[in-house]
Amino acid sequence: MRPGSWAAAGLGIMCACASPGDRPNGSGAADSAAPAETAADRIARYATVRLTADLTPLSAKERQMLPLLIDAAREMDTIYWQEVYPGRDSLLASLPDSSLRRLVEINYGPWDRLGGNEPFVPGVGARPKGAAFYPTDLTGPALDSAAAKDPPLKAPYTVVRRDAAGRLTAVPYHTAFAAPTARAVAKLRAAAALAEDAGLRHYLETRARALETDDYQASDFAWLDMRGNRLDIVVGPTETYDDELAGVKTAHESYVLVKDLAWSARLARYAAMLPALQRGLPVPEAYRREKPGTDSDLNAYDAVYYAGQANAGGKTIAINLPNDEQVQLRKGTRRLQLKNAMRAKFDRILEPLADALIASDQQRHITFDAFFENTMFHEVAHGLGIKQTINGRGTVRQALKERHNALEEEKADVLGLYMVSALNRQGELKADLLDNYVTFLAGIIRSVRFGASDAHGRANMTTFAFFRDHGAFTRDSASATYRVDSARMAAAVDSLAARILELQGNGDYAGVAAFMDPTSRIGPVLQGDLDRLGSKGIPVDIIFEQGPEVLGLPPAPPQPAR
């Protein structure tokens, strides 16, 4: 998710989220580590994938640009470590075991993101709720009180520190992370000088300026205006998931991408359908009166580099950005499907999982096309619904505070299925709707292995429990497999969509807690099924071999920071 510009004027955030829940951090993770589990055991939960793409359509200058963009992305890694674990170097130097050092690198710290953020290095203690964005002793109420007098303390692009007198002070990102920011800016400007596409060149120039000023909205609009670019980069502070204290601080990350023009052409027509789909939402008119932007577009990409939060723990397979409510309403969003990463998860994880846990006669409904569609429409669905409460409580994000992310992810899951169902009835999607339903159920089971403490995890578990209780699927105890009931799934989608949209439109903070908290833990039956997946050696997620050398490209030449 995303900020005002990658963020909003103050509080918006951009969504690098995935089909249901590819941003793990779970508490109560199904495959969470037992105390005796070794670092090598934990690493084995990831499948290693070489992150490559077909570069033959690229021009000579585009091939020169890629290493520069990757170098800019690497600086997001440097900054992200400072945001989540500033003591990286001393920690790594203190660890004699190479597997343990590698596990720290995968998790960007000593807490297991696939294991409920359990510490795996002795003596480090619990993960701070505010990561390193705030002093570790700062509480939520104390922050709220101080920010009432000094609003920048809760701005999305500041870190909070104490001055010599112990007073809280907000330090802008471009000041706190000046050196790596300057290096990233130099690489972006060097890439812009090579760009043959005018839109890409303008975006890279405005994005470089945004990193220097923490003013991102102009670069958001420049990014949305691009159409003919074959290369793309998401770079800068984006997600708020690491800030579990207040849910406002955006963390740095990057994706370097190569557009798949053939796949993108298949997706182009869906964005124009958003207004009609919004009008058909199964809620009273007050909760669907907003008009989503129609200038959105859908594109398929091969990712060639992940950095920062995007690379921490489990990997995102689709992106929806920016999430600035103002930009969405004026211009829409762009939905990026990361096809090669998605294919890797389908082949290495989802298919073997389905073989183990989906009823044998429904396994034929597990298809990559359905997985791709469910992922894509999850991202599209972020643009549906309501951004402003209907009762004067401000934006939905402001009203729901730290509970917003989880409910928004669940909304995207459910409205994505609503869109698939509606487009199937209209003849826009030709495949059997049961393909999407069964693949969605397998996808939820895949994703809850991440656990249920982060936004995606809580969304997955609440959806799983709601669909189970409404008969959308059943579990056969003899075979320990799951079966979808198509008619009941369709009814449950409409019912859950209405529940979520009304909670959002009402800005019902207490109602969200009452709705999600009782079902946000993995129960013993599901836990047992997930344990079986671990015993079969089915990975939980993927990690990458990546960089210019993997792509067969030379490194970028040095660029002086300015």
Protein backbone atom coordinates (compact mmCIF):
# COMPACT_ATOMS: atom_id res chain seq x y z
CA MET A 1 0.00 0.00 0.00
CA ARG A 2 1.43 3.23 -0.61
CA PRO A 3 1.72 6.78 0.05
CA GLY A 4 0.41 10.14 -0.89
CA SER A 5 2.05 10.08 -3.74
CA TRP A 6 3.29 6.92 -3.17
CA ALA A 7 1.29 8.60 -0.53
CA ALA A 8 -1.58 10.74 0.07
CA ALA A 9 -1.65 14.24 1.20
CA GLY A 10 -0.46 13.17 4.52
CA LEU A 11 -1.96 9.77 5.06
CA GLY A 12 -2.43 7.86 1.80
CA ILE A 13 -0.40 4.79 1.13
CA MET A 14 0.36 2.68 -1.91
CA CYS A 15 -0.40 -0.97 -2.24
CA ALA A 16 2.22 -3.47 -3.08
CA CYS A 17 -0.03 -6.20 -1.95
CA ALA A 18 -0.72 -9.52 -3.44
CA SER A 19 -3.29 -12.14 -4.04
CA PRO A 20 -4.61 -12.92 -0.99
CA GLY A 21 -1.85 -11.98 1.30
CA ASP A 22 1.62 -12.15 -0.10
CA ARG A 23 3.13 -9.85 2.49
CA PRO A 24 3.72 -12.14 5.46
CA ASN A 25 4.57 -11.30 9.03
CA GLY A 26 2.28 -13.64 10.85
CA SER A 27 1.63 -14.34 14.44
CA GLY A 28 0.52 -17.84 15.06
CA ALA A 29 1.99 -18.88 11.73
CA ALA A 30 1.00 -22.32 10.68
CA ASP A 31 4.58 -23.25 9.90
CA SER A 32 6.03 -21.15 12.71
CA ALA A 33 9.25 -22.48 14.03
CA ALA A 34 9.53 -24.84 16.94
CA PRO A 35 12.25 -23.88 19.43
CA ALA A 36 14.61 -26.61 18.16
CA GLU A 37 14.31 -25.59 14.52
CA THR A 38 17.63 -24.59 13.02
CA ALA A 39 18.37 -21.64 10.77
CA ALA A 40 18.85 -24.07 7.89
CA ASP A 41 15.38 -25.52 8.58
CA ARG A 42 13.85 -22.07 8.44
CA ILE A 43 15.65 -21.22 5.21
CA ALA A 44 14.34 -24.46 3.71
CA ARG A 45 10.83 -23.02 3.89
CA TYR A 46 11.81 -20.83 0.92
CA ALA A 47 12.26 -22.01 -2.65
CA THR A 48 15.05 -20.21 -4.52
CA VAL A 49 14.07 -18.68 -7.86
CA ARG A 50 16.33 -16.99 -10.43
CA LEU A 51 14.69 -13.66 -11.25
CA THR A 52 15.10 -13.35 -15.00
CA ALA A 53 13.21 -11.94 -17.97
CA ASP A 54 13.39 -11.90 -21.74
CA LEU A 55 15.48 -8.80 -22.52
CA THR A 56 15.65 -9.31 -26.28
CA PRO A 57 12.92 -6.71 -27.02
CA LEU A 58 14.87 -4.01 -25.14
CA SER A 59 16.91 -1.37 -26.93
CA ALA A 60 20.60 -0.87 -26.22
CA LYS A 61 19.83 2.15 -24.02
CA GLU A 62 17.15 0.26 -22.09
CA ARG A 63 19.68 -2.48 -21.38
CA GLN A 64 22.07 0.20 -20.10
CA MET A 65 19.30 1.61 -17.89
CA LEU A 66 18.54 -1.64 -16.07
CA PRO A 67 21.75 -1.80 -13.97
CA LEU A 68 21.28 1.87 -13.03
CA LEU A 69 17.73 1.20 -11.87
CA ILE A 70 18.89 -1.86 -9.93
CA ASP A 71 21.57 0.23 -8.21
CA ALA A 72 18.92 2.79 -7.22
CA ALA A 73 16.82 -0.06 -5.85
CA ARG A 74 19.75 -1.34 -3.77
CA GLU A 75 19.82 1.97 -1.92
CA MET A 76 16.27 1.25 -0.76
CA ASP A 77 17.74 -1.83 0.91
CA THR A 78 20.21 0.35 2.76
CA ILE A 79 17.46 2.68 3.98
CA TYR A 80 15.06 -0.13 4.87
CA TRP A 81 17.61 -1.71 7.18
CA GLN A 82 17.82 1.61 9.04
CA GLU A 83 14.03 1.65 9.35
CA VAL A 84 13.66 -1.87 10.73
CA TYR A 85 17.02 -2.90 12.25
CA PRO A 86 19.78 -0.25 12.28
CA GLY A 87 22.24 -2.63 13.97
CA ARG A 88 22.57 -4.91 10.94
CA ASP A 89 26.35 -4.89 10.60
CA SER A 90 27.10 -5.54 14.25
CA LEU A 91 24.45 -8.27 14.39
CA LEU A 92 25.82 -10.08 11.32
CA ALA A 93 29.38 -9.77 12.61
CA SER A 94 28.36 -11.39 15.91
CA LEU A 95 26.92 -14.52 14.27
CA PRO A 96 29.38 -17.33 13.53
CA ASP A 97 26.88 -19.49 11.64
CA SER A 98 26.49 -18.70 7.91
CA SER A 99 22.92 -20.05 7.82
CA LEU A 100 21.93 -17.78 10.68
CA ARG A 101 23.47 -14.78 8.91
CA ARG A 102 21.57 -15.67 5.74
CA LEU A 103 18.32 -15.95 7.70
CA VAL A 104 18.90 -12.46 9.15
CA GLU A 105 19.41 -11.15 5.61
CA ILE A 106 16.20 -12.77 4.33
CA ASN A 107 14.19 -11.31 7.22
CA TYR A 108 15.96 -7.95 7.42
CA GLY A 109 16.50 -8.58 11.10
CA PRO A 110 16.49 -11.32 13.74
CA TRP A 111 12.71 -11.97 13.69
CA ASP A 112 11.17 -14.68 11.54
CA ARG A 113 8.61 -13.13 9.20
CA LEU A 114 7.21 -16.56 8.33
CA GLY A 115 7.14 -17.55 11.98
CA GLY A 116 5.08 -14.96 13.80
CA ASN A 117 8.06 -12.57 14.07
CA GLU A 118 9.56 -14.98 16.56
CA PRO A 119 13.14 -14.00 17.43
CA PHE A 120 15.62 -16.59 16.15
CA VAL A 121 18.74 -14.93 17.58
CA PRO A 122 19.10 -15.40 21.35
CA GLY A 123 18.72 -12.29 23.45
CA VAL A 124 17.24 -9.89 20.89
CA GLY A 125 13.79 -9.75 22.48
CA ALA A 126 10.46 -9.05 20.81
CA ARG A 127 10.23 -7.06 17.60
CA PRO A 128 9.37 -3.41 18.41
CA LYS A 129 5.86 -2.51 17.27
CA GLY A 130 7.12 0.66 15.67
CA ALA A 131 10.20 -0.99 14.12
CA ALA A 132 12.94 1.68 14.15
CA PHE A 133 10.68 4.52 13.06
CA TYR A 134 10.21 5.57 16.70
CA PRO A 135 12.06 5.33 20.01
CA THR A 136 11.48 1.79 21.25
CA ASP A 137 9.98 3.00 24.54
CA LEU A 138 7.34 5.16 22.84
CA THR A 139 3.72 4.08 23.33
CA GLY A 140 0.78 4.69 21.03
CA PRO A 141 -1.05 7.02 23.44
CA ALA A 142 2.12 9.04 24.06
CA LEU A 143 2.63 9.41 20.32
CA ASP A 144 -0.99 10.49 19.81
CA SER A 145 -0.67 13.09 22.55
CA ALA A 146 2.57 14.52 21.17
CA ALA A 147 1.34 14.47 17.56
CA ALA A 148 -1.74 16.50 18.52
CA LYS A 149 0.67 19.38 19.14
CA ASP A 150 3.26 18.43 16.51
CA PRO A 151 1.55 16.68 13.54
CA PRO A 152 4.76 15.82 11.64
CA LEU A 153 5.40 13.17 14.31
CA LYS A 154 2.72 11.09 12.57
CA ALA A 155 3.55 12.11 9.00
CA PRO A 156 4.30 9.23 6.62
CA TYR A 157 7.79 10.49 5.67
CA THR A 158 9.43 11.21 9.02
CA VAL A 159 11.22 9.19 11.66
CA VAL A 160 10.65 10.11 15.28
CA ARG A 161 13.64 10.72 17.52
CA ARG A 162 14.33 12.33 20.92
CA ASP A 163 16.36 15.52 21.09
CA ALA A 164 18.95 16.28 23.77
CA ALA A 165 16.20 17.32 26.16
CA GLY A 166 14.26 14.09 25.56
CA ARG A 167 11.52 15.76 23.50
CA LEU A 168 10.10 13.92 20.50
CA THR A 169 11.10 15.41 17.18
CA ALA A 170 10.24 14.49 13.58
CA VAL A 171 13.15 14.09 11.16
CA PRO A 172 12.26 14.07 7.43
CA TYR A 173 13.29 10.97 5.53
CA HIS A 174 15.45 12.90 3.08
CA THR A 175 17.43 14.23 6.06
CA ALA A 176 17.53 11.02 8.11
CA PHE A 177 18.66 8.94 5.11
CA ALA A 178 20.54 11.63 3.19
CA ALA A 179 23.51 9.60 1.88
CA PRO A 180 21.69 6.59 0.38
CA THR A 181 18.98 8.91 -0.91
CA ALA A 182 21.58 10.99 -2.77
CA ARG A 183 23.10 7.86 -4.31
CA ALA A 184 19.68 6.60 -5.45
CA VAL A 185 18.83 10.00 -6.92
CA ALA A 186 22.06 10.03 -8.93
CA LYS A 187 21.27 6.61 -10.41
CA LEU A 188 17.71 7.61 -11.30
CA ARG A 189 18.90 10.76 -13.05
CA ALA A 190 21.52 8.81 -14.98
CA ALA A 191 18.81 6.37 -16.09
CA ALA A 192 16.53 9.27 -17.04
CA ALA A 193 19.24 10.66 -19.30
CA LEU A 194 19.18 7.37 -21.24
CA ALA A 195 15.39 6.99 -21.37
CA GLU A 196 13.97 7.04 -24.90
CA ASP A 197 10.35 7.11 -23.68
CA ALA A 198 9.41 10.68 -22.70
CA GLY A 199 6.96 9.53 -20.02
CA LEU A 200 9.51 7.28 -18.34
CA ARG A 201 12.14 10.03 -18.48
CA HIS A 202 9.76 12.52 -16.84
CA TYR A 203 8.77 10.03 -14.15
CA LEU A 204 12.38 9.20 -13.26
CA GLU A 205 13.23 12.89 -13.02
CA THR A 206 10.23 13.73 -10.84
CA ARG A 207 10.74 10.65 -8.69
CA ALA A 208 14.34 11.62 -8.07
CA ARG A 209 13.16 15.05 -6.97
CA ALA A 210 10.51 13.47 -4.74
CA LEU A 211 13.15 11.44 -2.90
CA GLU A 212 15.02 14.69 -2.22
CA THR A 213 11.96 16.54 -0.89
CA ASP A 214 9.56 13.90 0.48
CA ASP A 215 6.88 15.43 -1.76
CA TYR A 216 5.65 12.55 -3.90
CA GLN A 217 2.38 13.52 -5.52
CA ALA A 218 3.83 14.98 -8.75
CA SER A 219 5.80 11.79 -9.32
CA ASP A 220 2.65 9.74 -8.70
CA PHE A 221 0.86 11.55 -11.48
CA ALA A 222 3.90 11.23 -13.73
CA TRP A 223 3.96 7.50 -13.04
CA LEU A 224 0.27 7.13 -13.88
CA ASP A 225 0.71 9.12 -17.10
CA MET A 226 3.27 6.66 -18.50
CA ARG A 227 1.95 4.37 -21.21
CA GLY A 228 4.66 3.46 -23.72
CA ASN A 229 7.43 2.56 -21.28
CA ARG A 230 8.95 -0.92 -21.50
CA LEU A 231 10.89 -0.50 -18.22
CA ASP A 232 9.46 0.55 -14.87
CA ILE A 233 10.60 1.06 -11.30
CA VAL A 234 8.75 1.47 -8.04
CA VAL A 235 11.19 3.21 -5.71
CA GLY A 236 10.85 5.02 -2.41
CA PRO A 237 8.82 4.87 0.82
CA THR A 238 5.64 2.90 0.23
CA GLU A 239 4.21 0.36 2.68
CA THR A 240 3.07 1.05 6.26
CA TYR A 241 3.00 -2.59 7.40
CA ASP A 242 6.17 -2.33 9.50
CA ASP A 243 4.64 0.45 11.60
CA GLU A 244 2.43 -1.51 13.98
CA LEU A 245 2.51 1.33 16.51
CA ALA A 246 0.52 3.87 14.49
CA GLY A 247 0.24 2.45 10.98
CA VAL A 248 1.49 5.64 9.29
CA LYS A 249 5.23 5.38 8.64
CA THR A 250 6.08 4.26 5.13
CA ALA A 251 9.02 1.94 4.54
CA HIS A 252 11.42 2.09 1.60
CA GLU A 253 11.31 -0.52 -1.10
CA SER A 254 11.78 -1.01 -4.84
CA TYR A 255 10.79 -3.22 -7.76
CA VAL A 256 12.59 -3.05 -11.11
CA LEU A 257 10.30 -4.30 -13.86
CA VAL A 258 10.19 -5.22 -17.54
CA LYS A 259 6.75 -4.93 -19.14
CA ASP A 260 5.28 -7.94 -20.95
CA LEU A 261 3.49 -6.16 -23.79
CA ALA A 262 1.55 -9.20 -25.00
CA TRP A 263 0.09 -10.04 -21.58
CA SER A 264 -0.59 -6.37 -20.86
CA ALA A 265 -2.69 -6.09 -24.03
CA ARG A 266 -4.93 -8.89 -22.70
CA LEU A 267 -5.67 -6.89 -19.55
CA ALA A 268 -6.28 -3.42 -20.97
CA ARG A 269 -10.08 -3.50 -21.17
CA TYR A 270 -10.84 -4.22 -17.50
CA ALA A 271 -9.98 -0.82 -16.01
CA ALA A 272 -12.76 0.88 -17.97
CA MET A 273 -15.29 -1.41 -16.29
CA LEU A 274 -14.66 -0.10 -12.76
CA PRO A 275 -17.51 2.48 -12.64
CA ALA A 276 -20.11 -0.11 -13.67
CA LEU A 277 -18.76 -2.63 -11.19
CA GLN A 278 -18.84 0.02 -8.46
CA ARG A 279 -22.52 0.70 -9.19
CA GLY A 280 -23.28 -2.99 -8.82
CA LEU A 281 -21.72 -3.46 -5.38
CA PRO A 282 -24.07 -5.36 -3.02
CA VAL A 283 -24.52 -2.46 -0.54
CA PRO A 284 -26.85 0.53 -0.12
CA GLU A 285 -26.14 3.44 -2.46
CA ALA A 286 -24.43 5.53 0.24
CA TYR A 287 -21.57 3.01 0.38
CA ARG A 288 -20.96 2.97 -3.39
CA ARG A 289 -21.62 6.56 -4.36
CA GLU A 290 -17.97 7.40 -5.01
CA LYS A 291 -16.80 7.12 -8.60
CA PRO A 292 -13.47 5.35 -9.09
CA GLY A 293 -11.03 6.87 -11.55
CA THR A 294 -11.20 5.40 -15.04
CA ASP A 295 -7.67 6.26 -16.14
CA SER A 296 -6.31 3.20 -14.38
CA ASP A 297 -4.50 0.56 -16.37
CA LEU A 298 -3.53 -3.06 -15.89
CA ASN A 299 -0.17 -4.39 -17.00
CA ALA A 300 1.84 -7.58 -16.70
CA TYR A 301 5.55 -7.41 -15.89
CA ASP A 302 8.48 -9.63 -15.23
CA ALA A 303 10.24 -8.44 -12.08
CA VAL A 304 14.03 -8.38 -12.27
CA TYR A 305 14.85 -6.93 -8.84
CA TYR A 306 13.19 -6.63 -5.42
CA ALA A 307 14.63 -4.46 -2.62
CA GLY A 308 13.75 -3.19 0.83
CA GLN A 309 10.37 -4.09 2.25
CA ALA A 310 9.36 -5.73 -1.04
CA ASN A 311 12.17 -8.25 -0.50
CA ALA A 312 11.61 -8.92 3.21
CA GLY A 313 10.36 -12.39 4.02
CA GLY A 314 7.64 -13.46 1.59
CA LYS A 315 7.39 -11.82 -1.80
CA THR A 316 4.68 -9.70 -3.36
CA ILE A 317 3.28 -10.93 -6.67
CA ALA A 318 1.11 -7.94 -7.64
CA ILE A 319 1.06 -4.22 -6.96
CA ASN A 320 -1.67 -1.59 -6.82
CA LEU A 321 -0.50 2.00 -6.54
CA PRO A 322 -0.61 4.75 -5.62
CA ASN A 323 -3.08 4.51 -2.76
CA ASP A 324 -3.42 8.23 -2.26
CA GLU A 325 -7.18 8.66 -2.05
CA GLN A 326 -6.99 11.97 -3.91
CA VAL A 327 -4.93 10.49 -6.74
CA GLN A 328 -7.20 7.47 -6.97
CA LEU A 329 -10.32 9.59 -7.33
CA ARG A 330 -8.71 12.00 -9.82
CA LYS A 331 -6.63 9.60 -11.84
CA GLY A 332 -7.14 6.01 -10.71
CA THR A 333 -4.32 3.57 -10.04
CA ARG A 334 -2.06 1.21 -11.91
CA ARG A 335 -2.19 -2.51 -11.25
CA LEU A 336 1.01 -4.40 -11.93
CA GLN A 337 0.95 -8.19 -12.15
CA LEU A 338 4.40 -9.66 -11.51
CA LYS A 339 4.03 -12.62 -13.83
CA ASN A 340 7.32 -14.44 -13.32
CA ALA A 341 7.09 -14.28 -9.51
CA MET A 342 3.45 -15.34 -9.70
CA ARG A 343 4.29 -18.28 -11.93
CA ALA A 344 7.03 -19.40 -9.53
CA LYS A 345 4.62 -19.41 -6.58
CA PHE A 346 1.99 -21.27 -8.58
CA ASP A 347 4.37 -23.97 -9.78
CA ARG A 348 6.47 -24.39 -6.64
CA ILE A 349 3.80 -23.91 -3.95
CA LEU A 350 0.14 -23.71 -5.00
CA GLU A 351 -0.05 -26.79 -7.21
CA PRO A 352 1.61 -29.18 -4.72
CA LEU A 353 -0.49 -27.66 -1.92
CA ALA A 354 -3.68 -28.28 -3.89
CA ASP A 355 -2.64 -31.86 -4.56
CA ALA A 356 -2.48 -32.38 -0.81
CA LEU A 357 -5.49 -30.42 0.44
CA ILE A 358 -8.09 -29.94 -2.33
CA ALA A 359 -10.66 -32.66 -3.09
CA SER A 360 -9.36 -34.82 -5.91
CA ASP A 361 -12.27 -34.13 -8.26
CA GLN A 362 -11.81 -30.36 -7.86
CA GLN A 363 -8.03 -30.28 -8.37
CA ARG A 364 -8.56 -29.75 -12.13
CA HIS A 365 -9.96 -26.33 -11.19
CA ILE A 366 -6.55 -25.18 -9.93
CA THR A 367 -5.26 -23.18 -12.90
CA PHE A 368 -2.63 -20.51 -13.44
CA ASP A 369 -5.10 -18.35 -15.37
CA ALA A 370 -7.47 -18.36 -12.36
CA PHE A 371 -4.57 -17.60 -10.00
CA PHE A 372 -3.52 -14.72 -12.24
CA GLU A 373 -7.10 -13.38 -12.45
CA ASN A 374 -7.70 -13.62 -8.70
CA THR A 375 -4.44 -11.79 -8.06
CA MET A 376 -5.18 -9.14 -10.66
CA PHE A 377 -8.72 -8.44 -9.48
CA HIS A 378 -7.57 -8.27 -5.85
CA GLU A 379 -5.47 -5.30 -6.92
CA VAL A 380 -8.22 -3.77 -9.06
CA ALA A 381 -10.64 -4.09 -6.15
CA HIS A 382 -8.61 -1.65 -4.06
CA GLY A 383 -10.10 1.01 -6.35
CA LEU A 384 -13.68 -0.02 -5.53
CA GLY A 385 -15.74 0.77 -2.47
CA ILE A 386 -15.44 3.90 -0.41
CA LYS A 387 -12.56 6.13 0.65
CA GLN A 388 -14.45 8.74 2.72
CA THR A 389 -16.72 7.71 5.58
CA ILE A 390 -20.40 8.54 5.14
CA ASN A 391 -20.77 10.06 8.62
CA GLY A 392 -18.10 12.76 8.75
CA ARG A 393 -15.34 10.71 10.37
CA GLY A 394 -12.83 11.60 7.65
CA THR A 395 -11.20 9.08 5.38
CA VAL A 396 -11.65 5.38 6.04
CA ARG A 397 -7.92 5.18 6.79
CA GLN A 398 -8.14 7.95 9.38
CA ALA A 399 -11.21 6.48 11.06
CA LEU A 400 -9.96 2.89 11.25
CA LYS A 401 -6.34 3.78 12.17
CA GLU A 402 -4.12 0.71 12.55
CA ARG A 403 -7.08 -1.58 11.76
CA HIS A 404 -7.46 -0.13 8.29
CA ASN A 405 -4.83 -2.20 6.48
CA ALA A 406 -6.22 -5.60 7.43
CA LEU A 407 -9.80 -4.72 6.52
CA GLU A 408 -8.70 -3.11 3.25
CA GLU A 409 -6.81 -6.26 2.28
CA GLU A 410 -9.86 -8.37 3.06
CA LYS A 411 -12.00 -6.00 1.01
CA ALA A 412 -9.67 -6.45 -1.94
CA ASP A 413 -9.81 -10.24 -1.62
CA VAL A 414 -13.59 -10.35 -1.51
CA LEU A 415 -14.36 -7.63 -4.05
CA GLY A 416 -11.83 -9.28 -6.36
CA LEU A 417 -13.99 -12.41 -6.28
CA TYR A 418 -17.11 -10.27 -6.70
CA MET A 419 -15.55 -8.78 -9.85
CA VAL A 420 -14.60 -12.20 -11.21
CA SER A 421 -18.17 -13.41 -10.65
CA ALA A 422 -19.71 -10.32 -12.26
CA LEU A 423 -17.42 -10.43 -15.30
CA ASN A 424 -18.04 -14.14 -15.69
CA ARG A 425 -21.81 -13.53 -15.78
CA GLN A 426 -21.24 -10.79 -18.38
CA GLY A 427 -19.22 -13.13 -20.57
CA GLU A 428 -16.01 -11.12 -20.15
CA LEU A 429 -14.30 -14.09 -18.50
CA LYS A 430 -14.89 -17.37 -20.30
CA ALA A 431 -13.48 -20.00 -17.98
CA ASP A 432 -15.43 -22.00 -15.41
CA LEU A 433 -16.10 -19.78 -12.39
CA LEU A 434 -15.31 -22.75 -10.18
CA ASP A 435 -11.70 -22.42 -11.35
CA ASN A 436 -11.51 -19.04 -9.62
CA TYR A 437 -13.32 -20.20 -6.49
CA VAL A 438 -11.25 -23.35 -5.94
CA THR A 439 -8.00 -21.57 -6.79
CA PHE A 440 -8.98 -18.78 -4.38
CA LEU A 441 -9.53 -21.27 -1.55
CA ALA A 442 -6.17 -22.91 -2.24
CA GLY A 443 -4.64 -19.44 -2.33
CA ILE A 444 -6.02 -18.58 1.10
CA ILE A 445 -4.60 -21.80 2.53
CA ARG A 446 -1.26 -21.00 0.89
CA SER A 447 -1.27 -17.51 2.34
CA VAL A 448 -2.27 -18.35 5.91
CA ARG A 449 0.99 -20.26 6.19
CA PHE A 450 2.48 -16.77 6.51
CA GLY A 451 0.56 -16.40 9.78
CA ALA A 452 -2.08 -14.02 11.00
CA SER A 453 -0.42 -11.03 12.62
CA ASP A 454 0.11 -8.81 9.59
CA ALA A 455 -2.64 -7.17 7.56
CA HIS A 456 -2.81 -9.85 4.88
CA GLY A 457 -2.71 -12.64 7.43
CA ARG A 458 -5.61 -11.27 9.45
CA ALA A 459 -7.56 -10.70 6.24
CA ASN A 460 -6.96 -14.28 5.11
CA MET A 461 -8.02 -15.86 8.38
CA THR A 462 -11.17 -13.74 8.72
CA THR A 463 -12.19 -14.57 5.15
CA PHE A 464 -11.44 -18.27 5.68
CA ALA A 465 -13.61 -18.35 8.82
CA PHE A 466 -16.47 -16.39 7.21
CA PHE A 467 -16.59 -18.62 4.14
CA ARG A 468 -16.36 -21.76 6.28
CA ASP A 469 -19.21 -20.61 8.52
CA HIS A 470 -21.36 -19.75 5.48
CA GLY A 471 -20.82 -23.12 3.81
CA ALA A 472 -18.74 -21.74 0.91
CA PHE A 473 -16.49 -24.76 1.39
CA THR A 474 -16.47 -27.91 3.46
CA ARG A 475 -13.74 -30.15 4.78
CA ASP A 476 -13.96 -33.92 4.48
CA SER A 477 -12.50 -35.35 7.66
CA ALA A 478 -11.75 -38.77 6.14
CA SER A 479 -9.54 -37.41 3.36
CA ALA A 480 -8.64 -34.14 5.13
CA THR A 481 -9.39 -32.23 1.92
CA TYR A 482 -11.47 -29.16 1.09
CA ARG A 483 -14.32 -28.79 -1.41
CA VAL A 484 -15.96 -25.58 -2.70
CA ASP A 485 -19.73 -25.18 -2.98
CA SER A 486 -20.08 -22.77 -5.90
CA ALA A 487 -23.56 -21.38 -5.09
CA ARG A 488 -22.78 -20.84 -1.42
CA MET A 489 -19.44 -19.28 -2.29
CA ALA A 490 -21.17 -16.71 -4.50
CA ALA A 491 -23.65 -15.85 -1.72
CA ALA A 492 -20.88 -15.62 0.88
CA VAL A 493 -18.90 -13.24 -1.35
CA ASP A 494 -21.83 -10.82 -1.54
CA SER A 495 -22.53 -11.06 2.18
CA LEU A 496 -18.93 -10.52 3.23
CA ALA A 497 -18.48 -7.67 0.74
CA ALA A 498 -21.48 -5.85 2.23
CA ARG A 499 -20.19 -6.35 5.77
CA ILE A 500 -16.76 -4.94 4.98
CA LEU A 501 -17.96 -1.98 2.94
CA GLU A 502 -20.38 -0.91 5.65
CA LEU A 503 -17.67 -1.14 8.32
CA GLN A 504 -15.45 1.03 6.15
CA GLY A 505 -18.14 3.52 5.20
CA ASN A 506 -19.17 3.92 8.84
CA GLY A 507 -15.56 4.27 9.99
CA ASP A 508 -16.51 1.71 12.66
CA TYR A 509 -13.23 1.15 14.53
CA ALA A 510 -14.80 -0.94 17.31
CA GLY A 511 -16.89 -2.89 14.80
CA VAL A 512 -13.79 -3.90 12.85
CA ALA A 513 -12.23 -5.28 16.03
CA ALA A 514 -15.38 -7.23 16.89
CA PHE A 515 -15.53 -8.60 13.36
CA MET A 516 -11.89 -9.57 12.82
CA ASP A 517 -10.32 -10.30 16.19
CA PRO A 518 -12.28 -13.48 17.04
CA THR A 519 -11.31 -15.15 13.76
CA SER A 520 -7.76 -13.93 13.22
CA ARG A 521 -6.04 -17.01 14.64
CA ILE A 522 -5.32 -20.31 12.95
CA GLY A 523 -7.43 -23.05 14.54
CA PRO A 524 -6.19 -26.55 15.40
CA VAL A 525 -7.81 -28.33 12.43
CA LEU A 526 -6.34 -25.96 9.86
CA GLN A 527 -3.05 -25.97 11.76
CA GLY A 528 -2.88 -29.74 11.43
CA ASP A 529 -3.52 -29.53 7.69
CA LEU A 530 -0.80 -26.93 7.29
CA ASP A 531 1.62 -29.00 9.32
CA ARG A 532 1.12 -31.76 6.75
CA LEU A 533 2.28 -29.38 4.04
CA GLY A 534 5.46 -28.70 5.98
CA SER A 535 6.08 -32.42 6.43
CA LYS A 536 5.82 -32.86 2.65
CA GLY A 537 8.50 -30.23 2.10
CA ILE A 538 6.21 -27.82 0.27
CA PRO A 539 7.81 -24.35 0.48
CA VAL A 540 6.05 -21.48 2.19
CA ASP A 541 7.48 -18.79 -0.07
CA ILE A 542 10.29 -17.87 -2.45
CA ILE A 543 13.59 -15.99 -2.36
CA PHE A 544 15.56 -14.70 -5.29
CA GLU A 545 18.85 -14.90 -7.06
CA GLN A 546 18.81 -11.49 -8.73
CA GLY A 547 20.90 -8.68 -10.13
CA PRO A 548 22.62 -7.60 -13.37
CA GLU A 549 24.77 -10.73 -13.38
CA VAL A 550 21.67 -12.98 -13.32
CA LEU A 551 20.32 -11.00 -16.28
CA GLY A 552 23.62 -11.27 -18.15
CA LEU A 553 24.25 -7.51 -17.90
CA PRO A 554 27.37 -5.63 -16.82
CA PRO A 555 27.23 -3.53 -13.65
CA ALA A 556 26.31 0.14 -13.94
CA PRO A 557 29.17 2.65 -14.00
CA PRO A 558 29.61 4.77 -10.85
CA GLN A 559 27.50 7.92 -10.67
CA PRO A 560 28.51 10.90 -8.54
CA ALA A 561 25.82 11.93 -6.04
CA ARG A 562 24.70 15.53 -6.42
